[in-house]
Amino acid sequence: MAAKILVVEDEPAIQELIAFNLKNAGFVVLRAENAEQAMQMLNEMLPDLVLLDWMLPQMSGIEFANILRRESRTKTIPIIMLTARIEENDKIQGLDVGADDYITKPFSPRELVARIKAVLRRRAPELSEEILESDGLRLDPTTRRVMAQGCEIALGPTEFRLLYFLMTHADRVYTRGQLLDRVWGDHVFVEDRTVDVHIRRLRKALEGVGKEKLLQTVRGSGYRFSAESEEKLV
C-alpha cells in the first residue's frame, strides 16, 4: 500500500510542485494550507508522514510540530520540516521540537523523495520480538512500548530505534558516524549533529523515570548504553 504524505504548505506553487513529484514517486498525497486545516485532516485520517513548512500563516510549523508531538494520537507520526532557514541553530530548533528531518529550500524533488523514503524506512525498522530489560528499563519491540517504574515512556520513532540499537549493543561505545550508519542506515543527508539532538531528546525522555544515566556520553568517543557507572556524562 502506498504511503500517505500530508503536505502542509501555504504557497500554492510549491505545494503543487511537491504534490506532483510525490505522486510520481508513488505516494498518496494529502494537502493542507495551514495548521488548522492540517489538524482537521489528521482528525479524520493519520498519514504515514507529515511534510511541514516552517513559515505558515496563523500558526508556524514549529508550533504545529509541538502540538503533534504532545498528542498521543499523533506523537509518532514522522515529520519533515521544510524551510528557507539555513542557519544551524534553526535546524537544531526544528529537530528539537520533534522533527525527524529538515530540508532547506530550494531543494530538488529527487532529494525530497529520497529523504521521505529514508524517514519511512526508519519508522518501521526490522526488530526482533525479544523484550529487552536493563536496570528496570523495559523495551518491547512488538508493542513498541518502553516502560520503567510502571510508567510508559513516550518516544518518537527515531528515539525508539536509537534506544533499541543501543540496548541490543550495551556497553559498546559508538561514534556519531557509526550510529548514523547503524540506526539511520544509508540516509546520506543526515548530519552528525542530528545524532546529538536525538540523544538529547532520548535522554530527556528517560529523565522522567530516573533512567537518563543509562545513556552515556564518552568524551571524545561517542555514546553507549550501560547500567554501569558512566565515565563522563554530558
Protein backbone atom coordinates (compact mmCIF):
# COMPACT_ATOMS: atom_id res chain seq x y z
CA MET A 1 0.00 0.00 0.00
CA ALA A 2 1.31 3.42 -0.95
CA ALA A 3 2.37 5.66 1.91
CA LYS A 4 0.18 8.70 2.61
CA ILE A 5 2.04 12.01 2.85
CA LEU A 6 0.35 15.09 4.30
CA VAL A 7 1.87 18.21 2.73
CA VAL A 8 1.31 21.33 4.85
CA GLU A 9 2.42 24.24 2.65
CA ASP A 10 0.74 27.61 2.16
CA GLU A 11 2.39 28.60 -1.13
CA PRO A 12 0.24 27.09 -3.92
CA ALA A 13 3.05 26.78 -6.47
CA ILE A 14 5.35 24.95 -4.06
CA GLN A 15 2.52 22.77 -2.80
CA GLU A 16 1.61 21.81 -6.38
CA LEU A 17 5.23 21.04 -7.28
CA ILE A 18 5.69 18.85 -4.20
CA ALA A 19 2.41 17.02 -4.76
CA PHE A 20 3.24 16.37 -8.42
CA ASN A 21 6.62 14.84 -7.63
CA LEU A 22 5.38 12.78 -4.69
CA LYS A 23 2.54 11.34 -6.78
CA ASN A 24 5.05 10.44 -9.49
CA ALA A 25 7.10 8.66 -6.82
CA GLY A 26 4.09 6.53 -5.91
CA PHE A 27 2.88 8.30 -2.77
CA VAL A 28 -0.70 9.24 -1.89
CA VAL A 29 -0.69 13.00 -1.29
CA LEU A 30 -2.94 14.92 1.10
CA ARG A 31 -2.77 18.73 1.13
CA ALA A 32 -3.32 21.46 3.68
CA GLU A 33 -2.62 25.19 3.51
CA ASN A 34 -2.31 25.82 7.25
CA ALA A 35 -2.10 24.08 10.62
CA GLU A 36 -5.84 24.29 11.32
CA GLN A 37 -6.70 22.60 8.03
CA ALA A 38 -3.99 20.01 8.61
CA MET A 39 -5.36 19.18 12.08
CA GLN A 40 -8.85 18.68 10.66
CA MET A 41 -7.43 16.19 8.18
CA LEU A 42 -5.42 14.44 10.91
CA ASN A 43 -8.60 14.02 12.95
CA GLU A 44 -10.09 12.07 10.07
CA MET A 45 -7.06 10.09 8.89
CA LEU A 46 -3.48 9.62 10.07
CA PRO A 47 -0.86 9.92 7.31
CA ASP A 48 2.38 7.98 7.25
CA LEU A 49 4.40 11.21 7.27
CA VAL A 50 3.85 14.97 7.55
CA LEU A 51 5.82 17.32 5.29
CA LEU A 52 5.57 20.57 7.22
CA ASP A 53 6.51 24.09 6.13
CA TRP A 54 8.10 26.22 8.86
CA MET A 55 6.51 29.55 7.84
CA LEU A 56 2.75 29.01 7.91
CA PRO A 57 0.02 31.65 8.49
CA GLN A 58 -1.56 31.95 11.95
CA MET A 59 0.42 29.06 13.47
CA SER A 60 4.01 28.30 12.50
CA GLY A 61 5.22 24.84 11.54
CA ILE A 62 7.32 24.74 14.70
CA GLU A 63 4.27 25.39 16.88
CA PHE A 64 2.24 22.80 14.98
CA ALA A 65 5.02 20.20 15.31
CA ASN A 66 4.98 20.79 19.07
CA ILE A 67 1.25 20.07 19.16
CA LEU A 68 1.64 16.90 17.12
CA ARG A 69 4.35 15.62 19.45
CA ARG A 70 2.26 16.33 22.57
CA GLU A 71 -0.84 14.49 21.35
CA SER A 72 -0.78 10.73 21.95
CA ARG A 73 -2.58 10.04 18.66
CA THR A 74 -0.05 11.92 16.51
CA LYS A 75 3.18 11.83 18.54
CA THR A 76 4.75 9.01 16.50
CA ILE A 77 3.97 10.39 13.02
CA PRO A 78 7.28 11.23 11.28
CA ILE A 79 7.72 14.93 10.49
CA ILE A 80 9.99 16.52 7.90
CA MET A 81 10.35 20.30 8.18
CA LEU A 82 10.57 22.47 5.05
CA THR A 83 12.11 25.90 5.41
CA ALA A 84 14.21 28.59 3.81
CA ARG A 85 16.14 28.99 7.09
CA ILE A 86 19.69 27.71 6.68
CA GLU A 87 21.37 28.57 9.99
CA GLU A 88 22.48 25.63 12.13
CA ASN A 89 20.52 26.92 15.14
CA ASP A 90 17.35 26.88 13.05
CA LYS A 91 17.99 23.28 12.08
CA ILE A 92 18.55 22.32 15.69
CA GLN A 93 15.35 24.10 16.71
CA GLY A 94 13.41 22.14 14.11
CA LEU A 95 14.86 18.85 15.33
CA ASP A 96 14.34 19.81 18.97
CA VAL A 97 10.58 20.12 18.53
CA GLY A 98 10.43 16.56 17.24
CA ALA A 99 11.08 16.75 13.51
CA ASP A 100 12.72 13.64 12.08
CA ASP A 101 14.45 15.53 9.30
CA TYR A 102 14.91 19.05 7.96
CA ILE A 103 15.09 20.22 4.34
CA THR A 104 16.08 23.72 3.30
CA LYS A 105 14.58 25.48 0.29
CA PRO A 106 15.29 25.33 -2.55
CA PHE A 107 15.57 21.54 -2.76
CA SER A 108 15.46 19.07 -5.61
CA PRO A 109 12.44 16.75 -5.95
CA ARG A 110 14.84 13.82 -6.06
CA GLU A 111 16.35 14.77 -2.70
CA LEU A 112 12.91 15.28 -1.18
CA VAL A 113 11.70 11.85 -2.27
CA ALA A 114 14.92 10.22 -1.03
CA ARG A 115 14.56 11.80 2.39
CA ILE A 116 10.91 10.82 2.70
CA LYS A 117 11.71 7.22 1.84
CA ALA A 118 14.58 7.19 4.33
CA VAL A 119 12.40 8.50 7.17
CA LEU A 120 9.67 5.98 6.35
CA ARG A 121 12.23 3.18 6.47
CA ARG A 122 13.29 4.33 9.92
CA ARG A 123 9.68 4.41 11.11
CA ALA A 124 9.30 0.65 10.72
CA PRO A 125 12.69 -0.90 11.47
CA GLU A 126 13.12 -4.64 11.43
CA LEU A 127 13.23 -5.56 15.12
CA SER A 128 13.31 -8.90 16.88
CA GLU A 129 10.43 -9.82 19.19
CA GLU A 130 12.68 -10.25 22.22
CA ILE A 131 11.87 -7.95 25.12
CA LEU A 132 14.90 -6.01 26.36
CA GLU A 133 15.40 -5.14 30.03
CA SER A 134 18.15 -3.28 31.84
CA ASP A 135 18.15 -1.73 35.32
CA GLY A 136 14.36 -1.51 35.38
CA LEU A 137 14.03 -0.17 31.83
CA ARG A 138 11.93 -2.45 29.64
CA LEU A 139 11.60 -2.21 25.83
CA ASP A 140 9.07 -4.34 23.97
CA PRO A 141 9.74 -4.31 20.19
CA THR A 142 6.42 -5.99 19.41
CA THR A 143 4.22 -3.36 21.06
CA ARG A 144 6.85 -0.61 20.62
CA ARG A 145 6.45 0.36 24.27
CA VAL A 146 9.18 1.44 26.68
CA MET A 147 8.42 1.16 30.39
CA ALA A 148 10.13 1.98 33.68
CA GLN A 149 8.77 2.14 37.22
CA GLY A 150 5.33 1.26 35.92
CA CYS A 151 5.27 4.26 33.60
CA GLU A 152 5.30 4.28 29.81
CA ILE A 153 7.99 6.48 28.25
CA ALA A 154 6.80 8.38 25.17
CA LEU A 155 9.38 8.15 22.38
CA GLY A 156 9.33 9.21 18.76
CA PRO A 157 10.17 6.59 16.10
CA THR A 158 13.79 7.68 15.76
CA GLU A 159 14.40 7.75 19.53
CA PHE A 160 12.80 4.30 19.84
CA ARG A 161 15.06 2.83 17.17
CA LEU A 162 18.11 4.54 18.68
CA LEU A 163 17.34 3.15 22.14
CA TYR A 164 16.67 -0.29 20.71
CA PHE A 165 20.02 -0.34 18.93
CA LEU A 166 21.97 0.86 21.97
CA MET A 167 20.23 -1.60 24.31
CA THR A 168 20.99 -4.50 21.97
CA HIS A 169 24.64 -3.40 21.88
CA ALA A 170 25.00 -2.50 25.55
CA ASP A 171 28.36 -1.32 26.92
CA ARG A 172 29.77 -0.68 23.45
CA VAL A 173 30.77 2.85 22.51
CA TYR A 174 29.56 4.11 19.12
CA THR A 175 30.65 7.26 17.35
CA ARG A 176 28.11 9.58 15.73
CA GLY A 177 29.08 8.24 12.32
CA GLN A 178 28.60 4.65 13.41
CA LEU A 179 25.19 5.44 14.86
CA LEU A 180 24.20 7.15 11.62
CA ASP A 181 25.20 4.04 9.68
CA ARG A 182 23.52 1.58 12.04
CA VAL A 183 20.39 3.48 13.07
CA TRP A 184 19.74 5.85 10.17
CA GLY A 185 21.06 3.40 7.57
CA ASP A 186 22.11 4.75 4.19
CA HIS A 187 20.40 8.12 4.67
CA VAL A 188 23.40 10.15 3.49
CA PHE A 189 21.67 13.50 4.04
CA VAL A 190 21.68 13.31 7.85
CA GLU A 191 24.41 15.32 9.57
CA ASP A 192 26.42 14.10 12.57
CA ARG A 193 24.87 16.82 14.74
CA THR A 194 21.49 15.16 14.25
CA VAL A 195 22.66 12.29 16.44
CA ASP A 196 23.32 14.71 19.31
CA VAL A 197 19.80 16.13 19.02
CA HIS A 198 18.13 12.72 19.16
CA ILE A 199 20.39 11.57 22.00
CA ARG A 200 19.39 14.69 23.93
CA ARG A 201 15.69 14.04 23.27
CA LEU A 202 16.04 10.39 24.29
CA ARG A 203 17.91 11.31 27.47
CA LYS A 204 15.26 13.89 28.36
CA ALA A 205 12.54 11.25 27.98
CA LEU A 206 14.47 8.89 30.27
CA GLU A 207 14.87 11.63 32.88
CA GLY A 208 11.19 11.37 33.72
CA VAL A 209 11.75 7.92 35.22
CA GLY A 210 15.27 8.48 36.50
CA LYS A 211 16.96 6.37 33.83
CA GLU A 212 18.89 9.07 31.95
CA LYS A 213 22.26 7.83 33.26
CA LEU A 214 21.85 4.60 31.30
CA LEU A 215 22.52 6.67 28.18
CA GLN A 216 26.11 7.81 28.48
CA THR A 217 28.36 10.18 26.58
CA VAL A 218 32.00 9.10 26.44
CA ARG A 219 34.09 12.20 25.78
CA GLY A 220 35.99 12.13 22.53
CA SER A 221 34.42 8.83 21.50
CA GLY A 222 30.65 8.78 21.28
CA TYR A 223 27.70 7.23 23.09
CA ARG A 224 26.83 3.99 24.83
CA PHE A 225 24.06 2.35 26.82
CA SER A 226 25.21 0.85 30.10
CA ALA A 227 23.86 0.13 33.58
CA GLU A 228 27.39 0.60 34.93
CA SER A 229 28.57 3.98 36.26
CA GLU A 230 29.40 6.34 33.40
CA GLU A 231 32.83 7.77 32.64
CA LYS A 232 31.70 11.18 31.53
CA LEU A 233 28.08 12.18 31.31
CA VAL A 234 27.32 15.38 29.41
